[in-house]
Amino acid sequence: MTKTDGRILALDLGTSSARALVLHESDASPIPGALARHKISPAYGHDGSATLDLHEYVEGLLGCLDELQQNGHLDGIGSLVLSTQWHSIVALDNKGVARTPVITWADTRTVDLDLGTSFDEQAFHARTGTWLHRLYWTRRIPWLLASDSPAAFAGLPDLVLERLTGERVTSVSVASGTGTLDLATGAYDDEALAVAGVTADRLPEIVPTGWTGTLSKEYERRWPGLVGVPVHPPTGDGAASNVGTGGFDAGTAAVTVGTSAAVRVVHPIENAPELPWELWRYRVDDKRAVTGMAFSAAGNLHAWLTGVLRLESDEPVGVEIGGTHAIAIPFMAGTRPPANVPGGSGVYFGLSFDDSPADLLAAALQGASLEIDRGLRQLDDLFGGRLDVVLGGGGIDASEWWRRCLTATFARPTTVCAEPEVGARGAAAVALGLSPDPGGEHLVPADAEADRVAALRPRYEALRALAVEASKDPA
């Protein structure tokens, strides 16, 4: 087999797993059986820490490539692409050695910033697409500097790329997830750097979308089929997932459900609509941005409940969509910015002795669906009409009930992406300029289900407001 046969090697740097898979170059669809997975177990602490072991993560990922090699799947590769979790950070010493584990998006440790009355966070948000929130490097770096003296900082994808190619660089997509990027220019933002207390030379160099590297000699010897194969810069998983589901134009919102969930719209960065305070905006590549809202409780909520409740089925069997009288506010992992609801704030209202485990699961999935719908409605307003919706991700693929619940909650038809590996598919599409077709099932909301959800929405919103208020620190 030769490199002209059109295969793509995709690395997917997730929070719960690291994966390596091989795709067809024509449509970025996976080649059956050409997938290797390494399970990741983040370490969570009572102090709010949520970290990954960098060495274990990278070695597990390299082991995935070894597995593909052993099974003959690394022959004929023409490109190597990466999809990656956003927002991670690692502190480095002056030799580039990690001084901390990988600090993930779920980590809640931080320090307060006193920037005075002259700081305009509205203008900062409009320019960077982010807020001064613990999720971003503008708060992470001062926290790390408060207890140590790192020489530099990088994210997980930057260090994976450095391990593979010898070059510590980042993409405009990954950099936008740090909260330190000027979205319009694609360069580090001077005010964001000043807030963080660093200069640009302490962060990875931002390379253009068309940049490529090659594997170092060590890995060319380890995987001979990858000699000379261009390695493309990583794409943030949110942007990659949108493109991978087929949501790559301003008339389509992509809803992806993995460990967490999000609703997003990809659109040109030039002449982008003014960004509302409640939404974030990151970059897809040199010419496109992605605007949306993310949610911390999704597939993790589903997996936790099915385990805790010891359900025999992953589905809320026998429960009608919108039909449970219990209301679940899914703040188990808190909220993403700009809200600051902390983890451990999940609430059930209206429980009774006749509620079954399936009722509790249904209420939680319904609550997560209503949270996503809040974001979808804001995107409708921003882009001037009811957006088409595509659904994708592992959570969507795993639950037929949840697919129908989302469709009923949105009260509009949805298209279910037929491909579960949307992140890897999207990274390939961004790197190679592809436009994947979502394919898959077309769902139309049942009137009765949509009516039931519409009827419970006002009660949900009222109880949600109570949960937000109750989560605030009385001090």
Protein backbone atom coordinates (compact mmCIF):
# COMPACT_ATOMS: atom_id res chain seq x y z
CA MET A 1 0.00 0.00 0.00
CA THR A 2 1.32 3.49 -0.82
CA LYS A 3 0.67 6.91 0.60
CA THR A 4 -1.46 7.77 -2.42
CA ASP A 5 -4.18 5.41 -1.19
CA GLY A 6 -5.70 8.24 0.83
CA ARG A 7 -5.60 7.47 4.53
CA ILE A 8 -5.54 9.87 7.47
CA LEU A 9 -4.20 9.06 10.91
CA ALA A 10 -6.22 10.97 13.52
CA LEU A 11 -5.28 11.37 17.18
CA ASP A 12 -8.12 12.37 19.51
CA LEU A 13 -6.90 13.77 22.83
CA GLY A 14 -9.95 13.44 25.04
CA THR A 15 -10.49 13.77 28.77
CA SER A 16 -11.77 10.22 29.28
CA SER A 17 -9.75 8.51 26.54
CA ALA A 18 -6.92 9.04 24.08
CA ARG A 19 -7.60 7.47 20.70
CA ALA A 20 -5.79 6.85 17.45
CA LEU A 21 -7.82 5.92 14.39
CA VAL A 22 -7.43 5.77 10.63
CA LEU A 23 -9.84 7.56 8.29
CA HIS A 24 -10.56 7.53 4.58
CA GLU A 25 -9.20 10.70 3.01
CA SER A 26 -12.18 11.13 0.68
CA ASP A 27 -14.81 11.74 3.37
CA ALA A 28 -12.94 11.40 6.71
CA SER A 29 -14.95 8.29 7.60
CA PRO A 30 -13.26 5.72 9.89
CA ILE A 31 -11.78 2.55 8.46
CA PRO A 32 -13.43 -0.37 10.29
CA GLY A 33 -11.19 -1.92 12.91
CA ALA A 34 -8.48 0.74 12.62
CA LEU A 35 -9.01 2.19 16.09
CA ALA A 36 -6.97 1.95 19.27
CA ARG A 37 -8.07 3.46 22.56
CA HIS A 38 -6.34 4.21 25.86
CA LYS A 39 -8.66 4.85 28.80
CA ILE A 40 -7.89 7.97 30.80
CA SER A 41 -8.79 8.33 34.48
CA PRO A 42 -8.53 11.94 35.65
CA ALA A 43 -7.54 12.45 39.29
CA TYR A 44 -10.08 14.51 41.24
CA GLY A 45 -9.36 16.01 44.67
CA HIS A 46 -11.36 17.63 47.45
CA ASP A 47 -9.41 20.82 46.78
CA GLY A 48 -11.07 21.14 43.36
CA SER A 49 -8.19 19.59 41.44
CA ALA A 50 -8.89 17.73 38.21
CA THR A 51 -5.66 16.57 36.60
CA LEU A 52 -4.13 14.08 34.19
CA ASP A 53 -0.75 12.40 34.46
CA LEU A 54 1.15 13.78 31.45
CA HIS A 55 3.61 10.88 31.13
CA GLU A 56 0.90 8.23 31.43
CA TYR A 57 -1.29 10.08 28.94
CA VAL A 58 1.39 10.45 26.28
CA GLU A 59 2.71 6.90 26.71
CA GLY A 60 -0.83 5.56 26.41
CA LEU A 61 -1.34 7.52 23.20
CA LEU A 62 1.94 6.24 21.76
CA GLY A 63 0.81 2.73 22.69
CA CYS A 64 -2.30 3.28 20.57
CA LEU A 65 -0.04 3.98 17.57
CA ASP A 66 1.95 0.83 18.35
CA GLU A 67 -1.29 -1.16 18.31
CA LEU A 68 -2.27 0.25 14.93
CA GLN A 69 1.22 -0.53 13.65
CA GLN A 70 1.01 -4.14 14.84
CA ASN A 71 -2.28 -4.56 13.00
CA GLY A 72 -0.95 -3.09 9.75
CA HIS A 73 -2.97 0.13 9.88
CA LEU A 74 -0.10 2.63 9.64
CA ASP A 75 0.69 1.84 6.02
CA GLY A 76 -0.51 4.26 3.38
CA ILE A 77 -0.99 7.24 5.73
CA GLY A 78 -0.93 10.59 3.93
CA SER A 79 -1.63 12.98 6.85
CA LEU A 80 -1.64 13.04 10.63
CA VAL A 81 -4.24 15.27 12.32
CA LEU A 82 -5.20 15.96 15.93
CA SER A 83 -8.43 16.81 17.73
CA THR A 84 -7.92 17.88 21.32
CA GLN A 85 -9.60 18.92 24.53
CA TRP A 86 -9.47 22.69 25.02
CA HIS A 87 -8.28 24.68 28.07
CA SER A 88 -5.62 22.36 29.57
CA ILE A 89 -2.39 23.82 30.96
CA VAL A 90 0.97 22.50 32.19
CA ALA A 91 3.69 24.55 33.92
CA LEU A 92 7.20 23.89 32.56
CA ASP A 93 10.72 24.52 33.80
CA ASN A 94 13.45 26.20 31.74
CA LYS A 95 14.31 22.88 30.08
CA GLY A 96 10.71 22.23 29.04
CA VAL A 97 10.13 19.57 31.72
CA ALA A 98 6.65 19.52 33.26
CA ARG A 99 6.45 20.87 36.81
CA THR A 100 2.73 20.05 37.14
CA PRO A 101 0.33 17.42 35.88
CA VAL A 102 -2.06 18.39 33.08
CA ILE A 103 -4.60 20.73 34.67
CA THR A 104 -7.91 20.16 32.88
CA TRP A 105 -10.97 22.31 32.23
CA ALA A 106 -12.72 20.70 35.23
CA ASP A 107 -10.13 21.96 37.76
CA THR A 108 -11.67 24.66 39.97
CA ARG A 109 -8.55 25.90 41.81
CA THR A 110 -7.83 29.55 41.16
CA VAL A 111 -6.81 32.90 42.62
CA ASP A 112 -8.68 36.17 42.73
CA LEU A 113 -7.58 38.95 40.40
CA ASP A 114 -7.81 42.63 41.30
CA LEU A 115 -7.54 44.54 38.04
CA GLY A 116 -9.06 47.79 39.23
CA THR A 117 -11.88 49.80 37.75
CA SER A 118 -10.07 50.54 34.48
CA PHE A 119 -10.37 46.94 33.26
CA ASP A 120 -13.26 46.56 30.79
CA GLU A 121 -14.27 42.89 30.83
CA GLN A 122 -17.02 43.49 28.27
CA ALA A 123 -14.44 44.71 25.75
CA PHE A 124 -12.08 41.91 26.77
CA HIS A 125 -14.83 39.34 26.14
CA ALA A 126 -15.69 40.85 22.76
CA ARG A 127 -12.03 40.71 21.71
CA THR A 128 -10.98 37.30 23.08
CA GLY A 129 -14.33 35.50 23.15
CA THR A 130 -13.69 34.55 26.79
CA TRP A 131 -14.06 35.83 30.34
CA LEU A 132 -11.72 36.16 33.32
CA HIS A 133 -12.73 32.71 34.53
CA ARG A 134 -10.74 29.87 36.08
CA LEU A 135 -11.24 27.91 32.86
CA TYR A 136 -8.73 30.12 31.05
CA TRP A 137 -5.01 30.84 31.27
CA THR A 138 -5.66 34.45 32.32
CA ARG A 139 -6.62 32.97 35.72
CA ARG A 140 -4.68 29.69 35.57
CA ILE A 141 -1.25 31.26 35.08
CA PRO A 142 -1.48 33.72 38.01
CA TRP A 143 -2.60 30.83 40.21
CA LEU A 144 0.40 28.74 39.11
CA LEU A 145 2.77 31.68 39.53
CA ALA A 146 1.49 32.29 43.07
CA SER A 147 3.11 29.09 44.36
CA ASP A 148 5.98 28.42 41.92
CA SER A 149 8.21 30.01 39.30
CA PRO A 150 7.59 28.17 36.02
CA ALA A 151 9.60 29.25 33.01
CA ALA A 152 6.87 28.53 30.45
CA PHE A 153 3.37 27.16 29.96
CA ALA A 154 1.79 24.86 27.39
CA GLY A 155 -1.33 22.81 26.89
CA LEU A 156 -1.63 19.05 26.49
CA PRO A 157 -1.87 19.20 22.66
CA ASP A 158 1.19 21.45 22.47
CA LEU A 159 3.24 18.94 24.47
CA VAL A 160 1.94 15.97 22.46
CA LEU A 161 2.91 17.78 19.26
CA GLU A 162 6.34 18.57 20.72
CA ARG A 163 6.82 14.93 21.71
CA LEU A 164 5.97 13.77 18.17
CA THR A 165 7.76 16.44 16.10
CA GLY A 166 10.23 18.14 18.43
CA GLU A 167 8.47 21.50 17.94
CA ARG A 168 6.46 23.13 20.74
CA VAL A 169 3.93 25.12 18.73
CA THR A 170 0.20 25.62 18.93
CA SER A 171 -2.65 26.34 16.52
CA VAL A 172 -4.89 29.40 16.45
CA SER A 173 -7.73 27.03 17.41
CA VAL A 174 -6.02 25.67 20.52
CA ALA A 175 -4.69 29.11 21.49
CA SER A 176 -8.20 30.57 21.36
CA GLY A 177 -9.26 28.12 24.09
CA THR A 178 -6.66 29.56 26.46
CA GLY A 179 -8.44 32.91 26.67
CA THR A 180 -5.27 34.77 25.63
CA LEU A 181 -5.95 35.15 21.88
CA ASP A 182 -7.15 38.21 20.00
CA LEU A 183 -9.75 36.54 17.78
CA ALA A 184 -9.52 39.11 15.00
CA THR A 185 -5.74 39.06 14.59
CA GLY A 186 -5.02 35.44 15.53
CA ALA A 187 -2.16 36.59 17.78
CA TYR A 188 -1.79 36.63 21.56
CA ASP A 189 -3.73 39.52 23.10
CA ASP A 190 -1.53 42.07 24.89
CA GLU A 191 -4.03 42.78 27.65
CA ALA A 192 -4.66 39.07 28.25
CA LEU A 193 -0.92 38.48 28.59
CA ALA A 194 -0.65 41.37 31.03
CA VAL A 195 -3.49 39.96 33.13
CA ALA A 196 -1.83 36.54 33.11
CA GLY A 197 1.52 38.08 34.05
CA VAL A 198 3.55 36.59 31.18
CA THR A 199 5.03 37.54 27.84
CA ALA A 200 4.27 35.72 24.60
CA ASP A 201 7.70 34.04 24.53
CA ARG A 202 6.67 31.96 27.56
CA LEU A 203 3.75 30.45 25.61
CA PRO A 204 3.81 28.18 22.55
CA GLU A 205 4.31 29.90 19.20
CA ILE A 206 1.07 30.15 17.19
CA VAL A 207 1.44 28.65 13.71
CA PRO A 208 -0.95 29.11 10.77
CA THR A 209 -3.48 26.45 9.77
CA GLY A 210 -1.34 25.40 6.81
CA TRP A 211 1.71 24.65 8.97
CA THR A 212 2.94 21.05 9.05
CA GLY A 213 5.70 19.24 10.87
CA THR A 214 7.08 15.72 10.57
CA LEU A 215 7.78 13.02 13.10
CA SER A 216 11.14 13.03 14.86
CA LYS A 217 13.71 10.36 13.89
CA GLU A 218 12.84 8.33 17.00
CA TYR A 219 9.26 7.87 15.88
CA GLU A 220 10.09 7.41 12.23
CA ARG A 221 12.11 4.38 13.30
CA ARG A 222 9.27 3.21 15.55
CA TRP A 223 6.59 3.64 12.86
CA PRO A 224 8.26 3.40 9.44
CA GLY A 225 4.96 3.93 7.63
CA LEU A 226 4.81 7.50 8.97
CA VAL A 227 8.18 8.68 7.62
CA GLY A 228 7.70 12.09 6.01
CA VAL A 229 3.96 12.20 6.76
CA PRO A 230 2.86 15.83 7.40
CA VAL A 231 1.64 16.46 10.94
CA HIS A 232 -1.04 19.18 11.03
CA PRO A 233 -1.63 21.55 13.98
CA PRO A 234 -4.36 20.45 16.44
CA THR A 235 -7.96 21.60 16.28
CA GLY A 236 -9.89 22.23 19.50
CA ASP A 237 -12.41 19.46 20.03
CA GLY A 238 -15.41 21.79 20.03
CA ALA A 239 -14.53 23.23 16.64
CA ALA A 240 -13.56 19.81 15.29
CA SER A 241 -16.80 18.23 16.53
CA ASN A 242 -18.91 20.88 14.84
CA VAL A 243 -17.21 20.39 11.49
CA GLY A 244 -17.23 16.60 11.94
CA THR A 245 -20.99 16.48 12.43
CA GLY A 246 -21.59 18.57 9.32
CA GLY A 247 -22.21 21.82 11.22
CA PHE A 248 -19.81 24.08 9.33
CA ASP A 249 -22.01 26.96 8.15
CA ALA A 250 -23.79 29.83 9.89
CA GLY A 251 -27.23 28.30 9.30
CA THR A 252 -26.54 25.12 11.28
CA ALA A 253 -26.08 24.53 15.00
CA ALA A 254 -24.27 21.37 16.03
CA VAL A 255 -25.14 19.81 19.36
CA THR A 256 -22.44 17.42 20.53
CA VAL A 257 -22.71 15.22 23.59
CA GLY A 258 -19.58 13.58 24.91
CA THR A 259 -18.27 13.77 28.47
CA SER A 260 -19.62 17.32 28.43
CA ALA A 261 -21.96 18.92 25.90
CA ALA A 262 -22.10 22.02 23.75
CA VAL A 263 -24.16 23.78 21.11
CA ARG A 264 -22.16 25.78 18.56
CA VAL A 265 -22.24 27.51 15.19
CA VAL A 266 -19.24 27.77 12.83
CA HIS A 267 -19.06 31.00 10.84
CA PRO A 268 -16.51 33.30 9.14
CA ILE A 269 -14.41 35.35 11.56
CA GLU A 270 -14.71 38.32 9.21
CA ASN A 271 -17.90 40.33 9.87
CA ALA A 272 -18.87 37.99 12.72
CA PRO A 273 -21.97 39.09 14.67
CA GLU A 274 -21.35 40.95 17.92
CA LEU A 275 -20.78 38.41 20.68
CA PRO A 276 -23.40 38.33 23.47
CA TRP A 277 -22.03 38.21 27.02
CA GLU A 278 -23.44 34.72 27.68
CA LEU A 279 -21.70 33.02 24.74
CA TRP A 280 -18.05 32.21 24.04
CA ARG A 281 -16.22 32.40 20.74
CA TYR A 282 -13.10 30.47 19.69
CA ARG A 283 -11.32 29.91 16.39
CA VAL A 284 -11.67 26.92 14.06
CA ASP A 285 -8.80 27.91 11.77
CA ASP A 286 -7.35 30.98 10.09
CA LYS A 287 -10.66 32.06 8.56
CA ARG A 288 -13.45 30.62 10.73
CA ALA A 289 -14.72 31.03 14.28
CA VAL A 290 -17.11 28.96 16.38
CA THR A 291 -19.61 30.58 18.75
CA GLY A 292 -21.54 28.69 21.36
CA MET A 293 -22.26 27.58 24.89
CA ALA A 294 -20.89 24.55 26.76
CA PHE A 295 -22.30 22.45 29.59
CA SER A 296 -20.40 20.44 32.17
CA ALA A 297 -23.00 17.70 32.73
CA ALA A 298 -23.71 15.39 29.79
CA GLY A 299 -22.25 11.95 29.10
CA ASN A 300 -20.54 12.07 32.49
CA LEU A 301 -23.97 12.62 34.10
CA HIS A 302 -25.48 9.72 32.16
CA ALA A 303 -22.62 7.37 33.08
CA TRP A 304 -22.67 8.39 36.75
CA LEU A 305 -26.42 7.91 37.15
CA THR A 306 -26.60 4.56 35.40
CA GLY A 307 -23.85 3.36 37.76
CA VAL A 308 -25.23 4.88 40.96
CA LEU A 309 -28.79 3.74 40.24
CA ARG A 310 -27.58 0.33 39.03
CA LEU A 311 -29.83 0.51 36.01
CA GLU A 312 -30.01 -2.58 33.86
CA SER A 313 -30.53 -0.36 30.81
CA ASP A 314 -28.76 2.84 29.79
CA GLU A 315 -32.18 4.16 28.73
CA PRO A 316 -35.03 5.43 30.98
CA VAL A 317 -37.24 2.53 29.92
CA GLY A 318 -40.97 3.19 30.18
CA VAL A 319 -40.68 6.93 30.88
CA GLU A 320 -42.27 9.35 28.43
CA ILE A 321 -40.22 12.29 27.22
CA GLY A 322 -41.30 15.32 29.24
CA GLY A 323 -43.43 13.01 31.37
CA THR A 324 -41.57 12.77 34.67
CA HIS A 325 -42.85 15.08 37.43
CA ALA A 326 -39.38 15.29 39.03
CA ILE A 327 -37.15 18.14 37.84
CA ALA A 328 -33.38 17.71 37.81
CA ILE A 329 -31.05 20.71 37.62
CA PRO A 330 -27.82 19.15 36.26
CA PHE A 331 -25.22 21.23 38.13
CA MET A 332 -23.34 18.19 39.45
CA ALA A 333 -20.15 19.51 37.82
CA GLY A 334 -21.13 23.17 38.15
CA THR A 335 -21.49 25.48 35.17
CA ARG A 336 -19.20 26.87 32.52
CA PRO A 337 -18.56 30.64 32.40
CA PRO A 338 -19.84 33.27 32.64
CA ALA A 339 -21.93 31.67 35.40
CA ASN A 340 -19.99 30.51 38.44
CA VAL A 341 -22.12 27.73 39.90
CA PRO A 342 -19.63 25.39 41.62
CA GLY A 343 -19.50 21.64 41.32
CA GLY A 344 -21.70 19.74 43.75
CA SER A 345 -24.72 21.97 43.03
CA GLY A 346 -26.95 19.41 41.28
CA VAL A 347 -30.53 19.32 42.55
CA TYR A 348 -33.66 17.18 42.20
CA PHE A 349 -37.00 18.84 42.90
CA GLY A 350 -40.33 17.11 43.35
CA LEU A 351 -39.18 13.62 44.26
CA SER A 352 -41.77 11.16 45.55
CA PHE A 353 -41.71 7.58 46.82
CA ASP A 354 -43.14 6.28 43.56
CA ASP A 355 -40.23 7.61 41.48
CA SER A 356 -38.20 4.82 39.90
CA PRO A 357 -34.51 4.85 38.92
CA ALA A 358 -35.67 5.28 35.32
CA ASP A 359 -37.62 8.41 36.35
CA LEU A 360 -34.50 9.89 37.94
CA LEU A 361 -32.42 9.17 34.84
CA ALA A 362 -35.12 10.64 32.58
CA ALA A 363 -35.32 13.81 34.70
CA ALA A 364 -31.53 14.27 34.52
CA LEU A 365 -31.38 13.78 30.75
CA GLN A 366 -34.35 16.14 30.36
CA GLY A 367 -32.60 18.75 32.51
CA ALA A 368 -29.42 18.47 30.43
CA SER A 369 -31.53 18.84 27.26
CA LEU A 370 -33.18 22.00 28.59
CA GLU A 371 -29.77 23.46 29.44
CA ILE A 372 -28.58 22.88 25.86
CA ASP A 373 -31.82 24.40 24.56
CA ARG A 374 -31.02 27.61 26.45
CA GLY A 375 -27.88 27.96 24.37
CA LEU A 376 -29.60 27.03 21.11
CA ARG A 377 -32.20 29.75 21.56
CA GLN A 378 -29.49 32.37 22.08
CA LEU A 379 -27.76 31.23 18.90
CA ASP A 380 -31.08 31.44 17.04
CA ASP A 381 -31.31 35.09 18.11
CA LEU A 382 -27.68 35.83 17.26
CA PHE A 383 -27.80 34.38 13.74
CA GLY A 384 -31.27 35.66 12.91
CA GLY A 385 -33.62 32.69 12.80
CA ARG A 386 -34.32 29.07 13.70
CA LEU A 387 -31.14 27.20 13.00
CA ASP A 388 -30.97 23.72 11.54
CA VAL A 389 -29.68 21.25 14.11
CA VAL A 390 -27.31 18.29 13.77
CA LEU A 391 -26.62 15.97 16.70
CA GLY A 392 -23.34 14.14 17.23
CA GLY A 393 -20.97 12.58 19.72
CA GLY A 394 -20.73 9.44 21.80
CA GLY A 395 -23.65 10.35 24.07
CA ILE A 396 -25.92 10.90 21.07
CA ASP A 397 -24.81 7.63 19.54
CA ALA A 398 -25.43 5.71 22.78
CA SER A 399 -28.97 6.77 23.67
CA GLU A 400 -31.98 6.71 21.37
CA TRP A 401 -34.18 8.14 24.17
CA TRP A 402 -31.86 11.13 24.60
CA ARG A 403 -31.84 11.81 20.85
CA ARG A 404 -35.64 11.97 20.85
CA CYS A 405 -35.63 14.05 24.06
CA LEU A 406 -33.32 16.65 22.52
CA THR A 407 -35.42 16.79 19.37
CA ALA A 408 -38.60 17.33 21.39
CA THR A 409 -36.93 19.93 23.61
CA PHE A 410 -35.66 21.89 20.61
CA ALA A 411 -39.13 21.60 19.01
CA ARG A 412 -37.64 21.27 15.54
CA PRO A 413 -36.35 18.49 13.28
CA THR A 414 -32.81 17.28 13.89
CA THR A 415 -30.32 15.26 11.89
CA VAL A 416 -28.27 12.66 13.75
CA CYS A 417 -24.72 12.39 12.49
CA ALA A 418 -24.09 8.79 11.49
CA GLU A 419 -20.44 8.94 12.56
CA PRO A 420 -19.69 8.76 16.33
CA GLU A 421 -16.02 9.85 15.95
CA VAL A 422 -16.92 13.44 15.10
CA GLY A 423 -13.82 15.03 16.68
CA ALA A 424 -11.33 13.04 14.64
CA ARG A 425 -13.44 13.45 11.53
CA GLY A 426 -13.64 17.21 12.05
CA ALA A 427 -9.90 17.61 12.66
CA ALA A 428 -9.26 15.85 9.35
CA ALA A 429 -11.82 18.05 7.60
CA VAL A 430 -10.24 21.26 8.99
CA ALA A 431 -6.71 20.21 8.08
CA LEU A 432 -7.58 19.00 4.58
CA GLY A 433 -10.45 21.32 3.65
CA LEU A 434 -13.19 18.67 3.59
CA SER A 435 -16.94 19.21 4.09
CA PRO A 436 -18.35 16.06 5.71
CA ASP A 437 -21.99 15.16 5.15
CA PRO A 438 -23.73 14.37 8.46
CA GLY A 439 -25.80 11.56 6.93
CA GLY A 440 -27.66 9.56 9.55
CA GLU A 441 -31.16 9.61 10.93
CA HIS A 442 -33.58 12.51 10.46
CA LEU A 443 -35.82 13.01 13.50
CA VAL A 444 -39.05 15.00 13.64
CA PRO A 445 -40.35 15.94 17.11
CA ALA A 446 -43.56 14.21 18.14
CA ASP A 447 -46.18 16.85 18.93
CA ALA A 448 -47.15 15.28 22.26
CA GLU A 449 -43.53 15.06 23.42
CA ALA A 450 -42.74 18.64 22.37
CA ASP A 451 -45.88 19.89 24.11
CA ARG A 452 -45.00 18.12 27.36
CA VAL A 453 -41.49 19.58 27.36
CA ALA A 454 -42.84 23.07 26.56
CA ALA A 455 -45.24 22.77 29.50
CA LEU A 456 -42.50 21.88 32.00
CA ARG A 457 -40.01 24.52 30.77
CA PRO A 458 -41.37 27.42 32.94
CA ARG A 459 -41.18 25.24 36.07
CA TYR A 460 -37.67 24.16 35.13
CA GLU A 461 -36.53 27.76 34.68
CA ALA A 462 -38.00 28.82 38.02
CA LEU A 463 -36.37 25.95 39.87
CA ARG A 464 -33.10 26.51 38.03
CA ALA A 465 -33.04 30.09 39.30
CA LEU A 466 -33.48 28.77 42.86
CA ALA A 467 -30.59 26.31 42.35
CA VAL A 468 -28.31 29.09 41.07
CA GLU A 469 -29.16 31.28 44.05
CA ALA A 470 -28.66 28.43 46.52
CA SER A 471 -25.22 27.69 45.06
CA LYS A 472 -23.83 31.10 45.98
CA ASP A 473 -21.40 31.31 48.87
CA PRO A 474 -23.27 33.01 51.73
CA ALA A 475 -20.03 34.77 52.68
